Amino acid sequence: MSVQTATTQTAQDTRVIQLADGDDWFTVCARSLLTPGRGVAALLPDGRQVALFVDRAGKAYAIDNRDPFTGAYVLSRGLVGSSEGRPFVASPLLKQRFDLATGSCLDDDEVSVPVFGVRAD
């Protein structure tokens, strides 16, 4: 799985976020709908949820939306920050922090969430 930022050349530059589900790509939303520092949840065709984030530099990240500590689908609503240069999202429930690039929990080495790779088109 990976996330791709695609650019379409038209009269206006319309960027969209696309997710890969196996070999199939589908458009999730317009890039302009994502606010740096805030997450948004997206539903995959198989029913899984992904949390999408864009940092202030415009880099997109996608991780599983399910908080492994509570089972709730809330990571897209978490607080975004960085620790030692690593971007993370803190769960809004118990505040565990998850690295947006690797999915590893910064507060418990034995826990992680699935990460969807990012590539630019």
PDB file of N, CA and C in Angstrom:
ATOM      1  N   MET A   1       0.838  -1.178   0.000  1.00  0.00           N
ATOM      2  CA  MET A   1       0.000   0.000   0.000  1.00  0.00           C
ATOM      3  C   MET A   1       0.887   1.246   0.000  1.00  0.00           C
ATOM      4  N   SER A   2       0.460   2.243  -0.686  1.00  0.00           N
ATOM      5  CA  SER A   2       1.179   3.505  -0.635  1.00  0.00           C
ATOM      6  C   SER A   2       0.232   4.628  -0.990  1.00  0.00           C
ATOM      7  N   VAL A   3       0.650   5.813  -0.613  1.00  0.00           N
ATOM      8  CA  VAL A   3      -0.105   7.016  -0.941  1.00  0.00           C
ATOM      9  C   VAL A   3       0.685   7.741  -2.010  1.00  0.00           C
ATOM     10  N   GLN A   4       0.004   8.347  -2.926  1.00  0.00           N
ATOM     11  CA  GLN A   4       0.677   9.059  -4.007  1.00  0.00           C
ATOM     12  C   GLN A   4       0.048  10.421  -4.146  1.00  0.00           C
ATOM     13  N   THR A   5       0.881  11.435  -4.289  1.00  0.00           N
ATOM     14  CA  THR A   5       0.394  12.760  -4.614  1.00  0.00           C
ATOM     15  C   THR A   5       0.579  12.936  -6.111  1.00  0.00           C
ATOM     16  N   ALA A   6      -0.502  13.126  -6.829  1.00  0.00           N
ATOM     17  CA  ALA A   6      -0.437  13.265  -8.280  1.00  0.00           C
ATOM     18  C   ALA A   6      -0.746  14.700  -8.666  1.00  0.00           C
ATOM     19  N   THR A   7      -0.118  15.167  -9.715  1.00  0.00           N
ATOM     20  CA  THR A   7      -0.375  16.507 -10.213  1.00  0.00           C
ATOM     21  C   THR A   7      -0.988  16.406 -11.595  1.00  0.00           C
ATOM     22  N   THR A   8      -2.093  17.069 -11.800  1.00  0.00           N
ATOM     23  CA  THR A   8      -2.756  17.119 -13.092  1.00  0.00           C
ATOM     24  C   THR A   8      -2.540  18.507 -13.667  1.00  0.00           C
ATOM     25  N   GLN A   9      -2.040  18.584 -14.879  1.00  0.00           N
ATOM     26  CA  GLN A   9      -1.794  19.874 -15.514  1.00  0.00           C
ATOM     27  C   GLN A   9      -3.060  20.338 -16.220  1.00  0.00           C
ATOM     28  N   THR A  10      -3.675  21.364 -15.712  1.00  0.00           N
ATOM     29  CA  THR A  10      -4.856  21.964 -16.328  1.00  0.00           C
ATOM     30  C   THR A  10      -4.695  23.463 -16.214  1.00  0.00           C
ATOM     31  N   ALA A  11      -5.753  24.207 -16.502  1.00  0.00           N
ATOM     32  CA  ALA A  11      -5.699  25.657 -16.343  1.00  0.00           C
ATOM     33  C   ALA A  11      -5.337  25.987 -14.897  1.00  0.00           C
ATOM     34  N   GLN A  12      -5.829  25.188 -13.961  1.00  0.00           N
ATOM     35  CA  GLN A  12      -5.446  25.322 -12.569  1.00  0.00           C
ATOM     36  C   GLN A  12      -4.686  24.061 -12.198  1.00  0.00           C
ATOM     37  N   ASP A  13      -3.706  24.178 -11.311  1.00  0.00           N
ATOM     38  CA  ASP A  13      -2.959  23.022 -10.861  1.00  0.00           C
ATOM     39  C   ASP A  13      -3.805  22.296  -9.819  1.00  0.00           C
ATOM     40  N   THR A  14      -4.366  21.148 -10.167  1.00  0.00           N
ATOM     41  CA  THR A  14      -5.232  20.384  -9.281  1.00  0.00           C
ATOM     42  C   THR A  14      -4.480  19.164  -8.784  1.00  0.00           C
ATOM     43  N   ARG A  15      -4.114  19.197  -7.507  1.00  0.00           N
ATOM     44  CA  ARG A  15      -3.417  18.053  -6.927  1.00  0.00           C
ATOM     45  C   ARG A  15      -4.416  17.217  -6.152  1.00  0.00           C
ATOM     46  N   VAL A  16      -4.281  15.905  -6.278  1.00  0.00           N
ATOM     47  CA  VAL A  16      -5.163  14.992  -5.565  1.00  0.00           C
ATOM     48  C   VAL A  16      -4.324  13.976  -4.802  1.00  0.00           C
ATOM     49  N   ILE A  17      -4.885  13.470  -3.728  1.00  0.00           N
ATOM     50  CA  ILE A  17      -4.265  12.392  -2.975  1.00  0.00           C
ATOM     51  C   ILE A  17      -4.906  11.101  -3.456  1.00  0.00           C
ATOM     52  N   GLN A  18      -4.064  10.140  -3.818  1.00  0.00           N
ATOM     53  CA  GLN A  18      -4.544   8.842  -4.260  1.00  0.00           C
ATOM     54  C   GLN A  18      -3.959   7.768  -3.358  1.00  0.00           C
ATOM     55  N   LEU A  19      -4.752   6.736  -3.093  1.00  0.00           N
ATOM     56  CA  LEU A  19      -4.298   5.583  -2.325  1.00  0.00           C
ATOM     57  C   LEU A  19      -4.230   4.377  -3.228  1.00  0.00           C
ATOM     58  N   ALA A  20      -3.255   3.522  -2.974  1.00  0.00           N
ATOM     59  CA  ALA A  20      -3.149   2.263  -3.694  1.00  0.00           C
ATOM     60  C   ALA A  20      -3.764   1.176  -2.842  1.00  0.00           C
ATOM     61  N   ASP A  21      -4.585   0.359  -3.473  1.00  0.00           N
ATOM     62  CA  ASP A  21      -5.137  -0.818  -2.827  1.00  0.00           C
ATOM     63  C   ASP A  21      -4.740  -1.991  -3.702  1.00  0.00           C
ATOM     64  N   GLY A  22      -3.658  -2.651  -3.340  1.00  0.00           N
ATOM     65  CA  GLY A  22      -3.075  -3.662  -4.223  1.00  0.00           C
ATOM     66  C   GLY A  22      -2.490  -2.968  -5.429  1.00  0.00           C
ATOM     67  N   ASP A  23      -2.938  -3.348  -6.615  1.00  0.00           N
ATOM     68  CA  ASP A  23      -2.463  -2.718  -7.852  1.00  0.00           C
ATOM     69  C   ASP A  23      -3.359  -1.574  -8.304  1.00  0.00           C
ATOM     70  N   ASP A  24      -4.472  -1.376  -7.625  1.00  0.00           N
ATOM     71  CA  ASP A  24      -5.442  -0.357  -8.021  1.00  0.00           C
ATOM     72  C   ASP A  24      -5.223   0.945  -7.262  1.00  0.00           C
ATOM     73  N   TRP A  25      -5.278   2.062  -7.983  1.00  0.00           N
ATOM     74  CA  TRP A  25      -5.165   3.393  -7.380  1.00  0.00           C
ATOM     75  C   TRP A  25      -6.524   4.056  -7.431  1.00  0.00           C
ATOM     76  N   PHE A  26      -6.874   4.758  -6.381  1.00  0.00           N
ATOM     77  CA  PHE A  26      -8.111   5.513  -6.399  1.00  0.00           C
ATOM     78  C   PHE A  26      -7.893   6.848  -5.706  1.00  0.00           C
ATOM     79  N   THR A  27      -8.634   7.838  -6.159  1.00  0.00           N
ATOM     80  CA  THR A  27      -8.516   9.178  -5.615  1.00  0.00           C
ATOM     81  C   THR A  27      -9.285   9.269  -4.310  1.00  0.00           C
ATOM     82  N   VAL A  28      -8.638   9.837  -3.292  1.00  0.00           N
ATOM     83  CA  VAL A  28      -9.264   9.983  -1.979  1.00  0.00           C
ATOM     84  C   VAL A  28      -9.892  11.365  -1.850  1.00  0.00           C
ATOM     85  N   CYS A  29      -9.098  12.398  -2.132  1.00  0.00           N
ATOM     86  CA  CYS A  29      -9.609  13.761  -1.997  1.00  0.00           C
ATOM     87  C   CYS A  29      -8.665  14.728  -2.696  1.00  0.00           C
ATOM     88  N   ALA A  30      -9.125  15.938  -2.849  1.00  0.00           N
ATOM     89  CA  ALA A  30      -8.263  16.997  -3.382  1.00  0.00           C
ATOM     90  C   ALA A  30      -7.235  17.369  -2.319  1.00  0.00           C
ATOM     91  N   ARG A  31      -6.024  17.576  -2.725  1.00  0.00           N
ATOM     92  CA  ARG A  31      -4.946  17.958  -1.797  1.00  0.00           C
ATOM     93  C   ARG A  31      -5.311  19.215  -1.030  1.00  0.00           C
ATOM     94  N   SER A  32      -6.047  20.119  -1.673  1.00  0.00           N
ATOM     95  CA  SER A  32      -6.412  21.388  -1.047  1.00  0.00           C
ATOM     96  C   SER A  32      -7.322  21.203   0.174  1.00  0.00           C
ATOM     97  N   LEU A  33      -7.936  20.026   0.316  1.00  0.00           N
ATOM     98  CA  LEU A  33      -8.804  19.767   1.465  1.00  0.00           C
ATOM     99  C   LEU A  33      -8.026  19.363   2.718  1.00  0.00           C
ATOM    100  N   LEU A  34      -6.731  19.057   2.555  1.00  0.00           N
ATOM    101  CA  LEU A  34      -5.904  18.666   3.693  1.00  0.00           C
ATOM    102  C   LEU A  34      -5.197  19.883   4.270  1.00  0.00           C
ATOM    103  N   THR A  35      -5.283  20.025   5.576  1.00  0.00           N
ATOM    104  CA  THR A  35      -4.656  21.140   6.284  1.00  0.00           C
ATOM    105  C   THR A  35      -3.406  20.639   6.988  1.00  0.00           C
ATOM    106  N   PRO A  36      -2.261  21.287   6.777  1.00  0.00           N
ATOM    107  CA  PRO A  36      -1.052  20.853   7.480  1.00  0.00           C
ATOM    108  C   PRO A  36      -1.285  20.803   8.993  1.00  0.00           C
ATOM    109  N   GLY A  37      -0.834  19.710   9.589  1.00  0.00           N
ATOM    110  CA  GLY A  37      -0.970  19.557  11.028  1.00  0.00           C
ATOM    111  C   GLY A  37      -2.282  18.949  11.487  1.00  0.00           C
ATOM    112  N   ARG A  38      -3.180  18.661  10.555  1.00  0.00           N
ATOM    113  CA  ARG A  38      -4.470  18.048  10.902  1.00  0.00           C
ATOM    114  C   ARG A  38      -4.669  16.809  10.042  1.00  0.00           C
ATOM    115  N   GLY A  39      -5.309  15.815  10.607  1.00  0.00           N
ATOM    116  CA  GLY A  39      -5.534  14.571   9.889  1.00  0.00           C
ATOM    117  C   GLY A  39      -6.930  14.490   9.311  1.00  0.00           C
ATOM    118  N   VAL A  40      -7.088  13.532   8.406  1.00  0.00           N
ATOM    119  CA  VAL A  40      -8.393  13.228   7.832  1.00  0.00           C
ATOM    120  C   VAL A  40      -8.449  11.708   7.642  1.00  0.00           C
ATOM    121  N   ALA A  41      -9.596  11.126   7.877  1.00  0.00           N
ATOM    122  CA  ALA A  41      -9.761   9.684   7.702  1.00  0.00           C
ATOM    123  C   ALA A  41     -10.280   9.386   6.300  1.00  0.00           C
ATOM    124  N   ALA A  42      -9.790   8.285   5.728  1.00  0.00           N
ATOM    125  CA  ALA A  42     -10.252   7.828   4.416  1.00  0.00           C
ATOM    126  C   ALA A  42     -10.595   6.352   4.528  1.00  0.00           C
ATOM    127  N   LEU A  43     -11.624   5.938   3.821  1.00  0.00           N
ATOM    128  CA  LEU A  43     -12.078   4.556   3.837  1.00  0.00           C
ATOM    129  C   LEU A  43     -11.576   3.850   2.583  1.00  0.00           C
ATOM    130  N   LEU A  44     -10.877   2.721   2.769  1.00  0.00           N
ATOM    131  CA  LEU A  44     -10.414   1.919   1.653  1.00  0.00           C
ATOM    132  C   LEU A  44     -11.565   1.041   1.151  1.00  0.00           C
ATOM    133  N   PRO A  45     -11.490   0.569  -0.093  1.00  0.00           N
ATOM    134  CA  PRO A  45     -12.583  -0.254  -0.641  1.00  0.00           C
ATOM    135  C   PRO A  45     -12.888  -1.503   0.197  1.00  0.00           C
ATOM    136  N   ASP A  46     -11.878  -2.036   0.892  1.00  0.00           N
ATOM    137  CA  ASP A  46     -12.114  -3.240   1.692  1.00  0.00           C
ATOM    138  C   ASP A  46     -12.618  -2.929   3.096  1.00  0.00           C
ATOM    139  N   GLY A  47     -12.894  -1.651   3.395  1.00  0.00           N
ATOM    140  CA  GLY A  47     -13.454  -1.264   4.686  1.00  0.00           C
ATOM    141  C   GLY A  47     -12.446  -0.792   5.713  1.00  0.00           C
ATOM    142  N   ARG A  48     -11.148  -0.930   5.433  1.00  0.00           N
ATOM    143  CA  ARG A  48     -10.138  -0.416   6.370  1.00  0.00           C
ATOM    144  C   ARG A  48     -10.116   1.102   6.333  1.00  0.00           C
ATOM    145  N   GLN A  49      -9.687   1.694   7.441  1.00  0.00           N
ATOM    146  CA  GLN A  49      -9.580   3.152   7.523  1.00  0.00           C
ATOM    147  C   GLN A  49      -8.111   3.569   7.558  1.00  0.00           C
ATOM    148  N   VAL A  50      -7.813   4.653   6.861  1.00  0.00           N
ATOM    149  CA  VAL A  50      -6.472   5.225   6.814  1.00  0.00           C
ATOM    150  C   VAL A  50      -6.548   6.649   7.332  1.00  0.00           C
ATOM    151  N   ALA A  51      -5.542   7.055   8.098  1.00  0.00           N
ATOM    152  CA  ALA A  51      -5.429   8.435   8.563  1.00  0.00           C
ATOM    153  C   ALA A  51      -4.409   9.142   7.678  1.00  0.00           C
ATOM    154  N   LEU A  52      -4.825  10.212   7.005  1.00  0.00           N
ATOM    155  CA  LEU A  52      -3.948  10.981   6.109  1.00  0.00           C
ATOM    156  C   LEU A  52      -3.518  12.264   6.790  1.00  0.00           C
ATOM    157  N   PHE A  53      -2.248  12.614   6.597  1.00  0.00           N
ATOM    158  CA  PHE A  53      -1.699  13.840   7.165  1.00  0.00           C
ATOM    159  C   PHE A  53      -0.807  14.509   6.133  1.00  0.00           C
ATOM    160  N   VAL A  54      -0.704  15.820   6.203  1.00  0.00           N
ATOM    161  CA  VAL A  54       0.246  16.583   5.405  1.00  0.00           C
ATOM    162  C   VAL A  54       0.987  17.493   6.369  1.00  0.00           C
ATOM    163  N   ASP A  55       2.327  17.479   6.278  1.00  0.00           N
ATOM    164  CA  ASP A  55       3.086  18.363   7.164  1.00  0.00           C
ATOM    165  C   ASP A  55       3.211  19.756   6.559  1.00  0.00           C
ATOM    166  N   ARG A  56       3.816  20.653   7.266  1.00  0.00           N
ATOM    167  CA  ARG A  56       3.919  22.044   6.808  1.00  0.00           C
ATOM    168  C   ARG A  56       4.758  22.189   5.541  1.00  0.00           C
ATOM    169  N   ALA A  57       5.616  21.218   5.266  1.00  0.00           N
ATOM    170  CA  ALA A  57       6.427  21.232   4.043  1.00  0.00           C
ATOM    171  C   ALA A  57       5.670  20.625   2.862  1.00  0.00           C
ATOM    172  N   GLY A  58       4.451  20.098   3.098  1.00  0.00           N
ATOM    173  CA  GLY A  58       3.645  19.537   2.030  1.00  0.00           C
ATOM    174  C   GLY A  58       3.812  18.043   1.833  1.00  0.00           C
ATOM    175  N   LYS A  59       4.603  17.376   2.671  1.00  0.00           N
ATOM    176  CA  LYS A  59       4.794  15.931   2.561  1.00  0.00           C
ATOM    177  C   LYS A  59       3.587  15.204   3.141  1.00  0.00           C
ATOM    178  N   ALA A  60       3.098  14.210   2.397  1.00  0.00           N
ATOM    179  CA  ALA A  60       1.925  13.456   2.820  1.00  0.00           C
ATOM    180  C   ALA A  60       2.341  12.170   3.527  1.00  0.00           C
ATOM    181  N   TYR A  61       1.558  11.802   4.525  1.00  0.00           N
ATOM    182  CA  TYR A  61       1.759  10.567   5.278  1.00  0.00           C
ATOM    183  C   TYR A  61       0.416   9.862   5.393  1.00  0.00           C
ATOM    184  N   ALA A  62       0.453   8.533   5.467  1.00  0.00           N
ATOM    185  CA  ALA A  62      -0.765   7.763   5.689  1.00  0.00           C
ATOM    186  C   ALA A  62      -0.448   6.582   6.602  1.00  0.00           C
ATOM    187  N   ILE A  63      -1.209   6.464   7.671  1.00  0.00           N
ATOM    188  CA  ILE A  63      -1.084   5.347   8.596  1.00  0.00           C
ATOM    189  C   ILE A  63      -2.476   4.775   8.844  1.00  0.00           C
ATOM    190  N   ASP A  64      -2.521   3.596   9.421  1.00  0.00           N
ATOM    191  CA  ASP A  64      -3.806   3.016   9.785  1.00  0.00           C
ATOM    192  C   ASP A  64      -4.487   3.930  10.802  1.00  0.00           C
ATOM    193  N   ASN A  65      -5.781   4.073  10.706  1.00  0.00           N
ATOM    194  CA  ASN A  65      -6.520   4.984  11.589  1.00  0.00           C
ATOM    195  C   ASN A  65      -6.851   4.359  12.943  1.00  0.00           C
ATOM    196  N   ARG A  66      -6.617   3.062  13.103  1.00  0.00           N
ATOM    197  CA  ARG A  66      -6.979   2.350  14.337  1.00  0.00           C
ATOM    198  C   ARG A  66      -5.888   2.499  15.392  1.00  0.00           C
ATOM    199  N   ASP A  67      -6.268   2.992  16.560  1.00  0.00           N
ATOM    200  CA  ASP A  67      -5.369   3.086  17.707  1.00  0.00           C
ATOM    201  C   ASP A  67      -5.226   1.681  18.288  1.00  0.00           C
ATOM    202  N   PRO A  68      -4.019   1.096  18.254  1.00  0.00           N
ATOM    203  CA  PRO A  68      -3.870  -0.282  18.732  1.00  0.00           C
ATOM    204  C   PRO A  68      -4.052  -0.435  20.246  1.00  0.00           C
ATOM    205  N   PHE A  69      -3.968   0.640  20.999  1.00  0.00           N
ATOM    206  CA  PHE A  69      -4.138   0.557  22.444  1.00  0.00           C
ATOM    207  C   PHE A  69      -5.605   0.501  22.861  1.00  0.00           C
ATOM    208  N   THR A  70      -6.480   1.127  22.091  1.00  0.00           N
ATOM    209  CA  THR A  70      -7.903   1.163  22.461  1.00  0.00           C
ATOM    210  C   THR A  70      -8.806   0.456  21.457  1.00  0.00           C
ATOM    211  N   GLY A  71      -8.320   0.260  20.224  1.00  0.00           N
ATOM    212  CA  GLY A  71      -9.139  -0.331  19.176  1.00  0.00           C
ATOM    213  C   GLY A  71     -10.038   0.682  18.474  1.00  0.00           C
ATOM    214  N   ALA A  72     -10.019   1.919  18.922  1.00  0.00           N
ATOM    215  CA  ALA A  72     -10.856   2.961  18.329  1.00  0.00           C
ATOM    216  C   ALA A  72     -10.189   3.527  17.072  1.00  0.00           C
ATOM    217  N   TYR A  73     -11.005   3.898  16.106  1.00  0.00           N
ATOM    218  CA  TYR A  73     -10.516   4.477  14.850  1.00  0.00           C
ATOM    219  C   TYR A  73     -10.451   5.997  15.001  1.00  0.00           C
ATOM    220  N   VAL A  74      -9.363   6.484  15.617  1.00  0.00           N
ATOM    221  CA  VAL A  74      -9.285   7.894  16.001  1.00  0.00           C
ATOM    222  C   VAL A  74      -7.960   8.577  15.672  1.00  0.00           C
ATOM    223  N   LEU A  75      -6.985   7.878  15.118  1.00  0.00           N
ATOM    224  CA  LEU A  75      -5.673   8.505  14.930  1.00  0.00           C
ATOM    225  C   LEU A  75      -5.726   9.724  14.018  1.00  0.00           C
ATOM    226  N   SER A  76      -6.676   9.761  13.084  1.00  0.00           N
ATOM    227  CA  SER A  76      -6.791  10.932  12.206  1.00  0.00           C
ATOM    228  C   SER A  76      -7.160  12.185  12.995  1.00  0.00           C
ATOM    229  N   ARG A  77      -7.667  12.027  14.212  1.00  0.00           N
ATOM    230  CA  ARG A  77      -8.057  13.158  15.054  1.00  0.00           C
ATOM    231  C   ARG A  77      -6.993  13.525  16.081  1.00  0.00           C
ATOM    232  N   GLY A  78      -5.832  12.871  15.979  1.00  0.00           N
ATOM    233  CA  GLY A  78      -4.768  13.090  16.945  1.00  0.00           C
ATOM    234  C   GLY A  78      -4.019  14.391  16.748  1.00  0.00           C
ATOM    235  N   LEU A  79      -3.185  14.697  17.725  1.00  0.00           N
ATOM    236  CA  LEU A  79      -2.345  15.894  17.686  1.00  0.00           C
ATOM    237  C   LEU A  79      -1.059  15.578  16.940  1.00  0.00           C
ATOM    238  N   VAL A  80      -0.702  16.414  15.974  1.00  0.00           N
ATOM    239  CA  VAL A  80       0.494  16.216  15.160  1.00  0.00           C
ATOM    240  C   VAL A  80       1.630  17.042  15.738  1.00  0.00           C
ATOM    241  N   GLY A  81       2.811  16.439  15.792  1.00  0.00           N
ATOM    242  CA  GLY A  81       3.990  17.132  16.296  1.00  0.00           C
ATOM    243  C   GLY A  81       5.236  16.471  15.755  1.00  0.00           C
ATOM    244  N   SER A  82       6.375  16.771  16.377  1.00  0.00           N
ATOM    245  CA  SER A  82       7.621  16.107  16.000  1.00  0.00           C
ATOM    246  C   SER A  82       8.478  15.928  17.244  1.00  0.00           C
ATOM    247  N   SER A  83       9.265  14.860  17.222  1.00  0.00           N
ATOM    248  CA  SER A  83      10.179  14.544  18.312  1.00  0.00           C
ATOM    249  C   SER A  83      11.499  14.153  17.691  1.00  0.00           C
ATOM    250  N   GLU A  84      12.545  14.918  17.994  1.00  0.00           N
ATOM    251  CA  GLU A  84      13.872  14.672  17.430  1.00  0.00           C
ATOM    252  C   GLU A  84      13.824  14.612  15.909  1.00  0.00           C
ATOM    253  N   GLY A  85      13.017  15.486  15.310  1.00  0.00           N
ATOM    254  CA  GLY A  85      12.906  15.565  13.863  1.00  0.00           C
ATOM    255  C   GLY A  85      11.997  14.521  13.243  1.00  0.00           C
ATOM    256  N   ARG A  86      11.362  13.693  14.045  1.00  0.00           N
ATOM    257  CA  ARG A  86      10.463  12.654  13.538  1.00  0.00           C
ATOM    258  C   ARG A  86       9.020  13.120  13.682  1.00  0.00           C
ATOM    259  N   PRO A  87       8.272  13.205  12.568  1.00  0.00           N
ATOM    260  CA  PRO A  87       6.867  13.608  12.664  1.00  0.00           C
ATOM    261  C   PRO A  87       6.049  12.501  13.318  1.00  0.00           C
ATOM    262  N   PHE A  88       5.120  12.883  14.181  1.00  0.00           N
ATOM    263  CA  PHE A  88       4.270  11.894  14.834  1.00  0.00           C
ATOM    264  C   PHE A  88       2.860  12.420  14.986  1.00  0.00           C
ATOM    265  N   VAL A  89       1.945  11.490  15.286  1.00  0.00           N
ATOM    266  CA  VAL A  89       0.594  11.838  15.693  1.00  0.00           C
ATOM    267  C   VAL A  89       0.385  11.200  17.052  1.00  0.00           C
ATOM    268  N   ALA A  90      -0.176  11.958  17.990  1.00  0.00           N
ATOM    269  CA  ALA A  90      -0.500  11.445  19.316  1.00  0.00           C
ATOM    270  C   ALA A  90      -1.978  11.081  19.342  1.00  0.00           C
ATOM    271  N   SER A  91      -2.255   9.876  19.770  1.00  0.00           N
ATOM    272  CA  SER A  91      -3.644   9.430  19.851  1.00  0.00           C
ATOM    273  C   SER A  91      -4.441  10.378  20.733  1.00  0.00           C
ATOM    274  N   PRO A  92      -5.647  10.745  20.306  1.00  0.00           N
ATOM    275  CA  PRO A  92      -6.453  11.658  21.124  1.00  0.00           C
ATOM    276  C   PRO A  92      -6.989  10.998  22.404  1.00  0.00           C
ATOM    277  N   LEU A  93      -6.873   9.674  22.511  1.00  0.00           N
ATOM    278  CA  LEU A  93      -7.421   8.994  23.685  1.00  0.00           C
ATOM    279  C   LEU A  93      -6.392   8.836  24.800  1.00  0.00           C
ATOM    280  N   LEU A  94      -5.353   8.042  24.563  1.00  0.00           N
ATOM    281  CA  LEU A  94      -4.364   7.789  25.622  1.00  0.00           C
ATOM    282  C   LEU A  94      -3.036   8.495  25.381  1.00  0.00           C
ATOM    283  N   LYS A  95      -2.945   9.235  24.295  1.00  0.00           N
ATOM    284  CA  LYS A  95      -1.803  10.103  23.967  1.00  0.00           C
ATOM    285  C   LYS A  95      -0.526   9.385  23.538  1.00  0.00           C
ATOM    286  N   GLN A  96      -0.570   8.064  23.220  1.00  0.00           N
ATOM    287  CA  GLN A  96       0.619   7.427  22.674  1.00  0.00           C
ATOM    288  C   GLN A  96       0.931   8.056  21.323  1.00  0.00           C
ATOM    289  N   ARG A  97       2.235   8.225  21.054  1.00  0.00           N
ATOM    290  CA  ARG A  97       2.681   8.882  19.828  1.00  0.00           C
ATOM    291  C   ARG A  97       3.143   7.845  18.812  1.00  0.00           C
ATOM    292  N   PHE A  98       2.696   8.027  17.544  1.00  0.00           N
ATOM    293  CA  PHE A  98       3.052   7.129  16.454  1.00  0.00           C
ATOM    294  C   PHE A  98       3.808   7.896  15.379  1.00  0.00           C
ATOM    295  N   ASP A  99       4.990   7.387  15.028  1.00  0.00           N
ATOM    296  CA  ASP A  99       5.821   7.979  13.982  1.00  0.00           C
ATOM    297  C   ASP A  99       5.065   7.886  12.661  1.00  0.00           C
ATOM    298  N   LEU A 100       4.871   9.008  11.990  1.00  0.00           N
ATOM    299  CA  LEU A 100       4.115   9.017  10.738  1.00  0.00           C
ATOM    300  C   LEU A 100       4.872   8.348   9.595  1.00  0.00           C
ATOM    301  N   ALA A 101       6.192   8.301   9.669  1.00  0.00           N
ATOM    302  CA  ALA A 101       6.976   7.694   8.594  1.00  0.00           C
ATOM    303  C   ALA A 101       7.116   6.185   8.752  1.00  0.00           C
ATOM    304  N   THR A 102       7.185   5.697   9.991  1.00  0.00           N
ATOM    305  CA  THR A 102       7.434   4.272  10.217  1.00  0.00           C
ATOM    306  C   THR A 102       6.275   3.542  10.875  1.00  0.00           C
ATOM    307  N   GLY A 103       5.368   4.253  11.535  1.00  0.00           N
ATOM    308  CA  GLY A 103       4.263   3.635  12.246  1.00  0.00           C
ATOM    309  C   GLY A 103       4.612   3.160  13.637  1.00  0.00           C
ATOM    310  N   SER A 104       5.886   3.224  14.016  1.00  0.00           N
ATOM    311  CA  SER A 104       6.287   2.739  15.337  1.00  0.00           C
ATOM    312  C   SER A 104       5.781   3.670  16.430  1.00  0.00           C
ATOM    313  N   CYS A 105       5.439   3.073  17.558  1.00  0.00           N
ATOM    314  CA  CYS A 105       4.989   3.846  18.713  1.00  0.00           C
ATOM    315  C   CYS A 105       6.226   4.383  19.417  1.00  0.00           C
ATOM    316  N   LEU A 106       6.278   5.677  19.621  1.00  0.00           N
ATOM    317  CA  LEU A 106       7.434   6.294  20.277  1.00  0.00           C
ATOM    318  C   LEU A 106       7.422   6.062  21.783  1.00  0.00           C
ATOM    319  N   ASP A 107       6.308   5.556  22.311  1.00  0.00           N
ATOM    320  CA  ASP A 107       6.169   5.351  23.744  1.00  0.00           C
ATOM    321  C   ASP A 107       6.173   3.880  24.150  1.00  0.00           C
ATOM    322  N   ASP A 108       6.158   2.966  23.185  1.00  0.00           N
ATOM    323  CA  ASP A 108       6.164   1.532  23.455  1.00  0.00           C
ATOM    324  C   ASP A 108       6.771   0.839  22.245  1.00  0.00           C
ATOM    325  N   ASP A 109       8.014   0.371  22.385  1.00  0.00           N
ATOM    326  CA  ASP A 109       8.751  -0.223  21.263  1.00  0.00           C
ATOM    327  C   ASP A 109       8.101  -1.463  20.666  1.00  0.00           C
ATOM    328  N   GLU A 110       7.173  -2.083  21.372  1.00  0.00           N
ATOM    329  CA  GLU A 110       6.562  -3.323  20.898  1.00  0.00           C
ATOM    330  C   GLU A 110       5.283  -3.095  20.099  1.00  0.00           C
ATOM    331  N   VAL A 111       4.866  -1.844  19.937  1.00  0.00           N
ATOM    332  CA  VAL A 111       3.602  -1.536  19.269  1.00  0.00           C
ATOM    333  C   VAL A 111       3.861  -0.669  18.047  1.00  0.00           C
ATOM    334  N   SER A 112       3.097  -0.920  16.985  1.00  0.00           N
ATOM    335  CA  SER A 112       3.184  -0.075  15.783  1.00  0.00           C
ATOM    336  C   SER A 112       1.844  -0.145  15.053  1.00  0.00           C
ATOM    337  N   VAL A 113       1.678   0.740  14.088  1.00  0.00           N
ATOM    338  CA  VAL A 113       0.507   0.733  13.219  1.00  0.00           C
ATOM    339  C   VAL A 113       0.997   0.597  11.779  1.00  0.00           C
ATOM    340  N   PRO A 114       0.179   0.005  10.903  1.00  0.00           N
ATOM    341  CA  PRO A 114       0.565  -0.086   9.498  1.00  0.00           C
ATOM    342  C   PRO A 114       0.757   1.301   8.872  1.00  0.00           C
ATOM    343  N   VAL A 115       1.757   1.414   8.024  1.00  0.00           N
ATOM    344  CA  VAL A 115       2.069   2.649   7.324  1.00  0.00           C
ATOM    345  C   VAL A 115       1.884   2.428   5.832  1.00  0.00           C
ATOM    346  N   PHE A 116       1.371   3.433   5.180  1.00  0.00           N
ATOM    347  CA  PHE A 116       1.193   3.406   3.737  1.00  0.00           C
ATOM    348  C   PHE A 116       2.259   4.323   3.156  1.00  0.00           C
ATOM    349  N   GLY A 117       3.143   3.783   2.320  1.00  0.00           N
ATOM    350  CA  GLY A 117       4.230   4.561   1.758  1.00  0.00           C
ATOM    351  C   GLY A 117       3.738   5.712   0.889  1.00  0.00           C
ATOM    352  N   VAL A 118       4.600   6.703   0.751  1.00  0.00           N
ATOM    353  CA  VAL A 118       4.262   7.901  -0.017  1.00  0.00           C
ATOM    354  C   VAL A 118       5.207   8.000  -1.202  1.00  0.00           C
ATOM    355  N   ARG A 119       4.663   8.294  -2.340  1.00  0.00           N
ATOM    356  CA  ARG A 119       5.506   8.577  -3.497  1.00  0.00           C
ATOM    357  C   ARG A 119       4.907   9.720  -4.286  1.00  0.00           C
ATOM    358  N   ALA A 120       5.775  10.526  -4.842  1.00  0.00           N
ATOM    359  CA  ALA A 120       5.324  11.671  -5.635  1.00  0.00           C
ATOM    360  C   ALA A 120       5.233  11.257  -7.097  1.00  0.00           C
ATOM    361  N   ASP A 121       4.207  11.769  -7.777  1.00  0.00           N
ATOM    362  CA  ASP A 121       4.024  11.476  -9.200  1.00  0.00           C
ATOM    363  C   ASP A 121       4.499  12.653  -9.994  1.00  0.00           C
TER     364      ASP A 121
END
